[in-house]
Amino acid sequence: ITKEMTPCDLENKKCLYGDFFLLNAYFLLAQLSLLTTRVKALQLQKTKHDLEMVLSIIQSKNEQLEEDLKRALQQLQNKMLKVKSYKEGLLNALGEFLGEHFPIPEKGGITKKKIKVYLFCSFLNLILLVFQILIQKLMSTPHDPYVTINDSFWPPYIELLLRYGIALRHPEDPNRMRLEAFHM
């Protein structure tokens, strides 16, 4: 401070210095804010770049998984076709076997165009019918479980049951049979 300066001049200088420091502080805060914003922008750009890379990798893996899924689906469809073909072959062979060895008793309405599965189902139904009759007789009259074999029983089915020990003939009357006692 010089002697030539008056208190008023001193006040003006303080005001000028104060304003200068205040402006300088505002300028520094603005720069700091700008730098902070730039740092955040750089971080966001890096995050964006990282996320784009992750997205690219995930999309690539999804495409690979889709291809694998399509390939697996195609393999399953091929296996299903093979199984269906094999099943059809088995049913045809079974139908031919049943048609040859166990033909349906009433041949009047049956033609070769009928499905061969019909033969198998008919065979099972007739055998089950014989079982049902034998079981009902055993349950209703356990002291006399024999059923008289008549024309409603078809001889090849009866022979099948007797041959495999499922049913037994009466020791004195060959026209009667009963269910084998499996519990003994």
C-alpha atoms as a PDB file:
ATOM      1  CA  ILE A   1       0.000   0.000   0.000  1.00  0.00           C
ATOM      2  CA  THR A   2       1.424   3.344  -0.965  1.00  0.00           C
ATOM      3  CA  LYS A   3       0.748   6.651   0.647  1.00  0.00           C
ATOM      4  CA  GLU A   4      -0.762   8.049  -2.444  1.00  0.00           C
ATOM      5  CA  MET A   5      -3.611   5.597  -2.292  1.00  0.00           C
ATOM      6  CA  THR A   6      -6.642   6.689  -0.533  1.00  0.00           C
ATOM      7  CA  PRO A   7      -8.853   4.404   1.503  1.00  0.00           C
ATOM      8  CA  CYS A   8     -11.369   4.558  -1.275  1.00  0.00           C
ATOM      9  CA  ASP A   9      -8.801   3.353  -3.793  1.00  0.00           C
ATOM     10  CA  LEU A  10      -7.896   0.565  -1.465  1.00  0.00           C
ATOM     11  CA  GLU A  11     -11.533  -0.454  -1.269  1.00  0.00           C
ATOM     12  CA  ASN A  12     -11.790  -0.419  -5.059  1.00  0.00           C
ATOM     13  CA  LYS A  13      -8.740  -2.649  -5.359  1.00  0.00           C
ATOM     14  CA  LYS A  14     -10.207  -5.073  -2.828  1.00  0.00           C
ATOM     15  CA  CYS A  15     -13.400  -5.124  -4.841  1.00  0.00           C
ATOM     16  CA  LEU A  16     -11.475  -5.683  -8.054  1.00  0.00           C
ATOM     17  CA  TYR A  17      -9.348  -8.432  -6.496  1.00  0.00           C
ATOM     18  CA  GLY A  18     -12.425 -10.007  -4.926  1.00  0.00           C
ATOM     19  CA  ASP A  19     -14.251  -9.971  -8.228  1.00  0.00           C
ATOM     20  CA  PHE A  20     -11.180 -11.368  -9.954  1.00  0.00           C
ATOM     21  CA  PHE A  21     -10.865 -14.198  -7.446  1.00  0.00           C
ATOM     22  CA  LEU A  22     -14.585 -14.863  -7.622  1.00  0.00           C
ATOM     23  CA  LEU A  23     -14.497 -14.983 -11.416  1.00  0.00           C
ATOM     24  CA  ASN A  24     -11.413 -17.154 -11.284  1.00  0.00           C
ATOM     25  CA  ALA A  25     -13.168 -19.536  -8.851  1.00  0.00           C
ATOM     26  CA  TYR A  26     -16.235 -19.703 -11.127  1.00  0.00           C
ATOM     27  CA  PHE A  27     -13.966 -20.365 -14.088  1.00  0.00           C
ATOM     28  CA  LEU A  28     -12.156 -23.142 -12.207  1.00  0.00           C
ATOM     29  CA  LEU A  29     -15.482 -24.670 -11.109  1.00  0.00           C
ATOM     30  CA  ALA A  30     -16.723 -24.565 -14.693  1.00  0.00           C
ATOM     31  CA  GLN A  31     -13.544 -26.256 -15.880  1.00  0.00           C
ATOM     32  CA  LEU A  32     -13.833 -28.865 -13.134  1.00  0.00           C
ATOM     33  CA  SER A  33     -17.451 -29.493 -14.062  1.00  0.00           C
ATOM     34  CA  LEU A  34     -16.486 -29.783 -17.752  1.00  0.00           C
ATOM     35  CA  LEU A  35     -13.662 -32.205 -16.930  1.00  0.00           C
ATOM     36  CA  THR A  36     -15.982 -34.260 -14.723  1.00  0.00           C
ATOM     37  CA  THR A  37     -18.525 -34.388 -17.544  1.00  0.00           C
ATOM     38  CA  ARG A  38     -15.794 -35.468 -19.985  1.00  0.00           C
ATOM     39  CA  VAL A  39     -14.642 -38.224 -17.611  1.00  0.00           C
ATOM     40  CA  LYS A  40     -18.234 -39.437 -17.264  1.00  0.00           C
ATOM     41  CA  ALA A  41     -18.640 -39.304 -21.052  1.00  0.00           C
ATOM     42  CA  LEU A  42     -15.444 -41.336 -21.513  1.00  0.00           C
ATOM     43  CA  GLN A  43     -16.645 -43.882 -18.956  1.00  0.00           C
ATOM     44  CA  LEU A  44     -19.996 -44.099 -20.711  1.00  0.00           C
ATOM     45  CA  GLN A  45     -18.272 -44.554 -24.072  1.00  0.00           C
ATOM     46  CA  LYS A  46     -16.159 -47.353 -22.612  1.00  0.00           C
ATOM     47  CA  THR A  47     -19.234 -48.945 -21.041  1.00  0.00           C
ATOM     48  CA  LYS A  48     -21.098 -48.595 -24.341  1.00  0.00           C
ATOM     49  CA  HIS A  49     -18.218 -50.209 -26.204  1.00  0.00           C
ATOM     50  CA  ASP A  50     -18.026 -53.058 -23.655  1.00  0.00           C
ATOM     51  CA  LEU A  51     -21.791 -53.610 -23.836  1.00  0.00           C
ATOM     52  CA  GLU A  52     -21.685 -53.637 -27.652  1.00  0.00           C
ATOM     53  CA  MET A  53     -18.975 -56.323 -27.493  1.00  0.00           C
ATOM     54  CA  VAL A  54     -21.039 -58.364 -25.021  1.00  0.00           C
ATOM     55  CA  LEU A  55     -24.108 -57.959 -27.248  1.00  0.00           C
ATOM     56  CA  SER A  56     -22.134 -59.110 -30.268  1.00  0.00           C
ATOM     57  CA  ILE A  57     -20.883 -62.183 -28.395  1.00  0.00           C
ATOM     58  CA  ILE A  58     -24.376 -63.024 -27.134  1.00  0.00           C
ATOM     59  CA  GLN A  59     -25.878 -62.622 -30.607  1.00  0.00           C
ATOM     60  CA  SER A  60     -23.197 -64.904 -32.003  1.00  0.00           C
ATOM     61  CA  LYS A  61     -23.876 -67.517 -29.323  1.00  0.00           C
ATOM     62  CA  ASN A  62     -27.646 -67.228 -29.917  1.00  0.00           C
ATOM     63  CA  GLU A  63     -27.135 -67.852 -33.631  1.00  0.00           C
ATOM     64  CA  GLN A  64     -24.961 -70.855 -32.829  1.00  0.00           C
ATOM     65  CA  LEU A  65     -27.579 -72.185 -30.384  1.00  0.00           C
ATOM     66  CA  GLU A  66     -30.326 -71.715 -32.980  1.00  0.00           C
ATOM     67  CA  GLU A  67     -28.293 -73.704 -35.497  1.00  0.00           C
ATOM     68  CA  ASP A  68     -27.653 -76.424 -32.900  1.00  0.00           C
ATOM     69  CA  LEU A  69     -31.349 -76.514 -32.030  1.00  0.00           C
ATOM     70  CA  LYS A  70     -32.359 -76.790 -35.690  1.00  0.00           C
ATOM     71  CA  ARG A  71     -29.814 -79.565 -36.186  1.00  0.00           C
ATOM     72  CA  ALA A  72     -31.072 -81.432 -33.085  1.00  0.00           C
ATOM     73  CA  LEU A  73     -34.671 -80.991 -34.216  1.00  0.00           C
ATOM     74  CA  GLN A  74     -33.808 -82.381 -37.639  1.00  0.00           C
ATOM     75  CA  GLN A  75     -32.076 -85.356 -36.021  1.00  0.00           C
ATOM     76  CA  LEU A  76     -35.132 -86.019 -33.834  1.00  0.00           C
ATOM     77  CA  GLN A  77     -37.423 -85.805 -36.854  1.00  0.00           C
ATOM     78  CA  ASN A  78     -35.217 -88.282 -38.720  1.00  0.00           C
ATOM     79  CA  LYS A  79     -35.259 -90.639 -35.739  1.00  0.00           C
ATOM     80  CA  MET A  80     -39.049 -90.307 -35.487  1.00  0.00           C
ATOM     81  CA  LEU A  81     -39.394 -91.236 -39.170  1.00  0.00           C
ATOM     82  CA  LYS A  82     -37.148 -94.261 -38.635  1.00  0.00           C
ATOM     83  CA  VAL A  83     -39.146 -95.317 -35.557  1.00  0.00           C
ATOM     84  CA  LYS A  84     -42.443 -94.900 -37.415  1.00  0.00           C
ATOM     85  CA  SER A  85     -41.105 -96.925 -40.332  1.00  0.00           C
ATOM     86  CA  TYR A  86     -39.834 -99.612 -37.973  1.00  0.00           C
ATOM     87  CA  LYS A  87     -43.166 -99.656 -36.116  1.00  0.00           C
ATOM     88  CA  GLU A  88     -45.047 -99.994 -39.394  1.00  0.00           C
ATOM     89  CA  GLY A  89     -42.805-102.893 -40.393  1.00  0.00           C
ATOM     90  CA  LEU A  90     -43.368-104.607 -37.044  1.00  0.00           C
ATOM     91  CA  LEU A  91     -47.131-104.156 -37.279  1.00  0.00           C
ATOM     92  CA  ASN A  92     -47.139-105.544 -40.805  1.00  0.00           C
ATOM     93  CA  ALA A  93     -45.052-108.545 -39.748  1.00  0.00           C
ATOM     94  CA  LEU A  94     -47.244-109.105 -36.701  1.00  0.00           C
ATOM     95  CA  GLY A  95     -50.380-108.799 -38.804  1.00  0.00           C
ATOM     96  CA  GLU A  96     -49.061-111.319 -41.313  1.00  0.00           C
ATOM     97  CA  PHE A  97     -48.081-113.702 -38.512  1.00  0.00           C
ATOM     98  CA  LEU A  98     -51.461-113.401 -36.803  1.00  0.00           C
ATOM     99  CA  GLY A  99     -53.277-113.660 -40.105  1.00  0.00           C
ATOM    100  CA  GLU A 100     -51.401-116.852 -40.958  1.00  0.00           C
ATOM    101  CA  HIS A 101     -51.404-118.587 -37.568  1.00  0.00           C
ATOM    102  CA  PHE A 102     -54.455-117.069 -35.863  1.00  0.00           C
ATOM    103  CA  PRO A 103     -56.923-116.022 -38.522  1.00  0.00           C
ATOM    104  CA  ILE A 104     -60.171-114.390 -37.493  1.00  0.00           C
ATOM    105  CA  PRO A 105     -62.934-116.999 -37.150  1.00  0.00           C
ATOM    106  CA  GLU A 106     -65.440-115.132 -39.333  1.00  0.00           C
ATOM    107  CA  LYS A 107     -63.782-114.511 -42.695  1.00  0.00           C
ATOM    108  CA  GLY A 108     -66.988-113.360 -44.413  1.00  0.00           C
ATOM    109  CA  GLY A 109     -66.592-109.600 -44.016  1.00  0.00           C
ATOM    110  CA  ILE A 110     -62.816-109.402 -43.757  1.00  0.00           C
ATOM    111  CA  THR A 111     -60.794-108.315 -46.771  1.00  0.00           C
ATOM    112  CA  LYS A 112     -57.066-107.946 -47.252  1.00  0.00           C
ATOM    113  CA  LYS A 113     -57.491-104.183 -47.469  1.00  0.00           C
ATOM    114  CA  LYS A 114     -58.284-103.975 -43.743  1.00  0.00           C
ATOM    115  CA  ILE A 115     -55.518-102.664 -41.538  1.00  0.00           C
ATOM    116  CA  LYS A 116     -53.272-105.400 -40.185  1.00  0.00           C
ATOM    117  CA  VAL A 117     -53.489-103.903 -36.712  1.00  0.00           C
ATOM    118  CA  TYR A 118     -57.120-105.020 -36.719  1.00  0.00           C
ATOM    119  CA  LEU A 119     -55.898-108.616 -36.682  1.00  0.00           C
ATOM    120  CA  PHE A 120     -53.746-107.957 -33.656  1.00  0.00           C
ATOM    121  CA  CYS A 121     -56.530-106.131 -31.802  1.00  0.00           C
ATOM    122  CA  SER A 122     -59.021-108.860 -32.658  1.00  0.00           C
ATOM    123  CA  PHE A 123     -56.589-111.494 -31.435  1.00  0.00           C
ATOM    124  CA  LEU A 124     -56.101-109.674 -28.138  1.00  0.00           C
ATOM    125  CA  ASN A 125     -59.818-109.044 -27.693  1.00  0.00           C
ATOM    126  CA  LEU A 126     -60.712-112.695 -28.264  1.00  0.00           C
ATOM    127  CA  ILE A 127     -57.966-113.949 -25.931  1.00  0.00           C
ATOM    128  CA  LEU A 128     -59.047-111.418 -23.287  1.00  0.00           C
ATOM    129  CA  LEU A 129     -62.648-112.543 -23.701  1.00  0.00           C
ATOM    130  CA  VAL A 130     -61.601-116.146 -23.007  1.00  0.00           C
ATOM    131  CA  PHE A 131     -59.600-114.956 -19.968  1.00  0.00           C
ATOM    132  CA  GLN A 132     -62.589-113.021 -18.706  1.00  0.00           C
ATOM    133  CA  ILE A 133     -64.859-116.039 -18.997  1.00  0.00           C
ATOM    134  CA  LEU A 134     -62.317-118.254 -17.232  1.00  0.00           C
ATOM    135  CA  ILE A 135     -61.781-115.730 -14.434  1.00  0.00           C
ATOM    136  CA  GLN A 136     -65.530-115.157 -13.934  1.00  0.00           C
ATOM    137  CA  LYS A 137     -66.104-118.886 -13.693  1.00  0.00           C
ATOM    138  CA  LEU A 138     -63.245-119.256 -11.192  1.00  0.00           C
ATOM    139  CA  MET A 139     -64.576-116.396  -9.041  1.00  0.00           C
ATOM    140  CA  SER A 140     -68.232-117.370  -9.187  1.00  0.00           C
ATOM    141  CA  THR A 141     -67.731-121.105  -8.560  1.00  0.00           C
ATOM    142  CA  PRO A 142     -64.266-121.761  -7.143  1.00  0.00           C
ATOM    143  CA  HIS A 143     -65.222-125.376  -6.312  1.00  0.00           C
ATOM    144  CA  ASP A 144     -65.938-126.032 -10.030  1.00  0.00           C
ATOM    145  CA  PRO A 145     -63.817-123.610 -12.128  1.00  0.00           C
ATOM    146  CA  TYR A 146     -64.172-125.543 -15.395  1.00  0.00           C
ATOM    147  CA  VAL A 147     -65.782-123.931 -18.453  1.00  0.00           C
ATOM    148  CA  THR A 148     -67.319-126.001 -21.212  1.00  0.00           C
ATOM    149  CA  ILE A 149     -65.600-125.356 -24.542  1.00  0.00           C
ATOM    150  CA  ASN A 150     -68.214-124.710 -27.198  1.00  0.00           C
ATOM    151  CA  ASP A 151     -68.291-123.193 -30.681  1.00  0.00           C
ATOM    152  CA  SER A 152     -67.849-119.651 -29.309  1.00  0.00           C
ATOM    153  CA  PHE A 153     -64.267-120.568 -28.336  1.00  0.00           C
ATOM    154  CA  TRP A 154     -62.053-120.710 -31.364  1.00  0.00           C
ATOM    155  CA  PRO A 155     -59.775-123.783 -31.297  1.00  0.00           C
ATOM    156  CA  PRO A 156     -56.436-122.084 -32.172  1.00  0.00           C
ATOM    157  CA  TYR A 157     -56.872-119.658 -29.256  1.00  0.00           C
ATOM    158  CA  ILE A 158     -57.771-122.484 -26.882  1.00  0.00           C
ATOM    159  CA  GLU A 159     -54.724-124.459 -28.028  1.00  0.00           C
ATOM    160  CA  LEU A 160     -52.529-121.406 -27.445  1.00  0.00           C
ATOM    161  CA  LEU A 161     -53.757-121.056 -23.861  1.00  0.00           C
ATOM    162  CA  LEU A 162     -53.305-124.776 -23.214  1.00  0.00           C
ATOM    163  CA  ARG A 163     -49.869-124.967 -24.871  1.00  0.00           C
ATOM    164  CA  TYR A 164     -48.418-122.207 -22.698  1.00  0.00           C
ATOM    165  CA  GLY A 165     -49.935-123.489 -19.445  1.00  0.00           C
ATOM    166  CA  ILE A 166     -52.350-120.596 -18.968  1.00  0.00           C
ATOM    167  CA  ALA A 167     -55.341-122.934 -18.971  1.00  0.00           C
ATOM    168  CA  LEU A 168     -55.743-126.662 -18.209  1.00  0.00           C
ATOM    169  CA  ARG A 169     -58.131-129.246 -19.627  1.00  0.00           C
ATOM    170  CA  HIS A 170     -60.379-131.223 -17.318  1.00  0.00           C
ATOM    171  CA  PRO A 171     -58.716-134.594 -16.594  1.00  0.00           C
ATOM    172  CA  GLU A 172     -61.875-136.556 -17.498  1.00  0.00           C
ATOM    173  CA  ASP A 173     -63.646-134.258 -20.021  1.00  0.00           C
ATOM    174  CA  PRO A 174     -61.514-132.743 -22.835  1.00  0.00           C
ATOM    175  CA  ASN A 175     -64.366-130.318 -23.694  1.00  0.00           C
ATOM    176  CA  ARG A 176     -63.886-128.481 -20.401  1.00  0.00           C
ATOM    177  CA  MET A 177     -61.011-126.277 -19.253  1.00  0.00           C
ATOM    178  CA  ARG A 178     -60.091-123.984 -16.384  1.00  0.00           C
ATOM    179  CA  LEU A 179     -57.625-121.204 -15.621  1.00  0.00           C
ATOM    180  CA  GLU A 180     -54.293-122.444 -14.248  1.00  0.00           C
ATOM    181  CA  ALA A 181     -53.925-121.832 -10.506  1.00  0.00           C
ATOM    182  CA  PHE A 182     -50.897-119.515 -10.598  1.00  0.00           C
ATOM    183  CA  HIS A 183     -50.934-118.866  -6.860  1.00  0.00           C
ATOM    184  CA  MET A 184     -49.946-122.456  -6.011  1.00  0.00           C
END
